[in-house]
Amino acid sequence: MRMLLVLAAALALTVGANAATISGSSTKPTLRLAAKTPVTLRGLSFKARELVLITVRVDKTTAATRRVRATSTGSFAVTFAGISANDPCALDAVASGSRGSRAALKLPERMCPLPLQPGPATP
């Protein structure tokens, strides 16, 4: 009987640890472009109720900053009125949380071609 209780306790601990991993407790924060006009960003997997500072740059110039509080699930959405990302490749955004969460906007490579490299002059 005692062995059965020990096995049941071990099983409960294993299931609990797996549930914490599945629920996203180890997921890294992410920042996504939800809309180009006006620029709307969505943050996921930040710490619950964390205060987040979002900085948006267009063509390497700071366009705007906003502070938002993440929800109890660690998500948020923020809209930057008056800022459009007609060329998403010129857009850069970073979200920094007050409790250590950090994410940067990363667009798929296919959306942004590599810049042309200067080559040898042709005669």
Protein backbone atom coordinates (compact mmCIF):
# COMPACT_ATOMS: atom_id res chain seq x y z
CA MET A 1 0.00 0.00 0.00
CA ARG A 2 2.83 2.35 0.87
CA MET A 3 4.53 1.69 -2.48
CA LEU A 4 1.28 2.53 -4.28
CA LEU A 5 1.13 5.93 -2.54
CA VAL A 6 4.75 6.69 -3.49
CA LEU A 7 4.06 5.82 -7.14
CA ALA A 8 0.89 7.93 -7.17
CA ALA A 9 2.80 10.93 -5.75
CA ALA A 10 5.58 10.55 -8.32
CA LEU A 11 3.03 10.36 -11.13
CA ALA A 12 1.27 13.50 -9.85
CA LEU A 13 4.56 15.43 -9.80
CA THR A 14 5.42 14.32 -13.33
CA VAL A 15 2.00 15.29 -14.70
CA GLY A 16 2.19 18.68 -12.94
CA ALA A 17 5.61 19.46 -14.41
CA ASN A 18 4.46 18.50 -17.91
CA ALA A 19 1.32 20.62 -17.58
CA ALA A 20 3.42 23.68 -16.66
CA THR A 21 5.58 23.17 -19.76
CA ILE A 22 2.59 22.67 -22.05
CA SER A 23 0.78 25.73 -20.69
CA GLY A 24 3.54 27.96 -22.05
CA SER A 25 5.46 28.85 -18.91
CA SER A 26 8.73 28.36 -20.83
CA THR A 27 7.60 30.11 -24.02
CA LYS A 28 9.67 33.11 -25.10
CA PRO A 29 7.94 36.49 -25.55
CA THR A 30 7.12 37.37 -29.16
CA LEU A 31 6.11 40.54 -31.00
CA ARG A 32 4.10 40.35 -34.23
CA LEU A 33 2.84 42.82 -36.79
CA ALA A 34 -0.97 42.58 -36.70
CA ALA A 35 -1.72 45.44 -39.13
CA LYS A 36 0.35 47.72 -41.35
CA THR A 37 -1.96 50.77 -41.40
CA PRO A 38 -1.99 52.02 -38.73
CA VAL A 39 0.83 49.94 -37.29
CA THR A 40 -0.66 47.49 -34.79
CA LEU A 41 1.55 45.13 -32.81
CA ARG A 42 0.59 42.10 -30.75
CA GLY A 43 2.71 40.75 -27.92
CA LEU A 44 2.46 37.19 -26.63
CA SER A 45 4.01 35.23 -23.74
CA PHE A 46 5.07 38.23 -21.68
CA LYS A 47 4.85 37.98 -17.89
CA ALA A 48 1.35 38.37 -16.44
CA ARG A 49 0.34 42.02 -15.91
CA GLU A 50 3.82 43.23 -16.82
CA LEU A 51 4.24 46.87 -17.86
CA VAL A 52 5.71 46.85 -21.39
CA LEU A 53 7.43 49.69 -23.27
CA ILE A 54 7.12 49.35 -27.05
CA THR A 55 9.37 51.41 -29.34
CA VAL A 56 8.66 51.60 -33.07
CA ARG A 57 11.21 52.84 -35.59
CA VAL A 58 10.64 53.54 -39.25
CA ASP A 59 13.73 53.88 -41.45
CA LYS A 60 15.94 53.65 -38.31
CA THR A 61 14.30 56.76 -36.77
CA THR A 62 12.22 56.41 -33.60
CA ALA A 63 8.64 57.08 -34.64
CA ALA A 64 6.80 56.48 -31.36
CA THR A 65 6.79 54.73 -28.00
CA ARG A 66 3.86 53.40 -25.98
CA ARG A 67 3.45 51.76 -22.59
CA VAL A 68 0.88 49.01 -22.14
CA ARG A 69 0.12 46.49 -19.44
CA ALA A 70 0.07 42.84 -20.47
CA THR A 71 -3.03 40.85 -19.58
CA SER A 72 -3.10 38.05 -17.02
CA THR A 73 -2.15 35.69 -19.86
CA GLY A 74 0.81 37.89 -20.91
CA SER A 75 -0.61 39.26 -24.15
CA PHE A 76 -1.25 42.79 -25.40
CA ALA A 77 -2.12 44.71 -28.54
CA VAL A 78 -1.08 48.29 -29.24
CA THR A 79 -1.90 50.58 -32.17
CA PHE A 80 0.32 53.45 -33.30
CA ALA A 81 -2.10 55.92 -34.90
CA GLY A 82 -0.57 57.95 -37.69
CA ILE A 83 2.21 55.45 -38.39
CA SER A 84 1.98 53.24 -41.45
CA ALA A 85 4.29 50.43 -42.48
CA ASN A 86 3.84 50.71 -46.22
CA ASP A 87 7.28 49.13 -46.46
CA PRO A 88 7.32 46.57 -43.61
CA CYS A 89 11.04 46.07 -44.20
CA ALA A 90 11.67 49.62 -42.93
CA LEU A 91 9.80 48.86 -39.69
CA ASP A 92 11.58 47.90 -36.49
CA ALA A 93 9.96 47.39 -33.09
CA VAL A 94 11.12 46.30 -29.65
CA ALA A 95 9.04 45.51 -26.56
CA SER A 96 10.73 45.58 -23.14
CA GLY A 97 8.87 44.48 -20.04
CA SER A 98 9.38 45.83 -16.52
CA ARG A 99 9.89 42.29 -15.23
CA GLY A 100 12.52 41.23 -17.78
CA SER A 101 10.51 40.07 -20.81
CA ARG A 102 11.90 41.27 -24.15
CA ALA A 103 10.93 40.71 -27.77
CA ALA A 104 11.77 42.25 -31.13
CA LEU A 105 9.66 42.28 -34.27
CA LYS A 106 10.98 39.76 -36.78
CA LEU A 107 9.43 39.65 -40.22
CA PRO A 108 9.70 36.54 -42.39
CA GLU A 109 12.74 36.68 -44.67
CA ARG A 110 10.61 36.38 -47.78
CA MET A 111 9.00 39.73 -46.93
CA CYS A 112 12.33 41.59 -46.91
CA PRO A 113 14.80 40.94 -49.70
CA LEU A 114 18.50 41.26 -48.92
CA PRO A 115 19.94 44.69 -49.72
CA LEU A 116 21.93 44.90 -52.93
CA GLN A 117 25.66 44.59 -52.40
CA PRO A 118 27.91 46.90 -54.39
CA GLY A 119 29.75 44.88 -56.94
CA PRO A 120 32.54 45.50 -59.39
CA ALA A 121 31.82 48.14 -61.97
CA THR A 122 30.98 46.78 -65.39
CA PRO A 123 32.62 48.43 -68.43
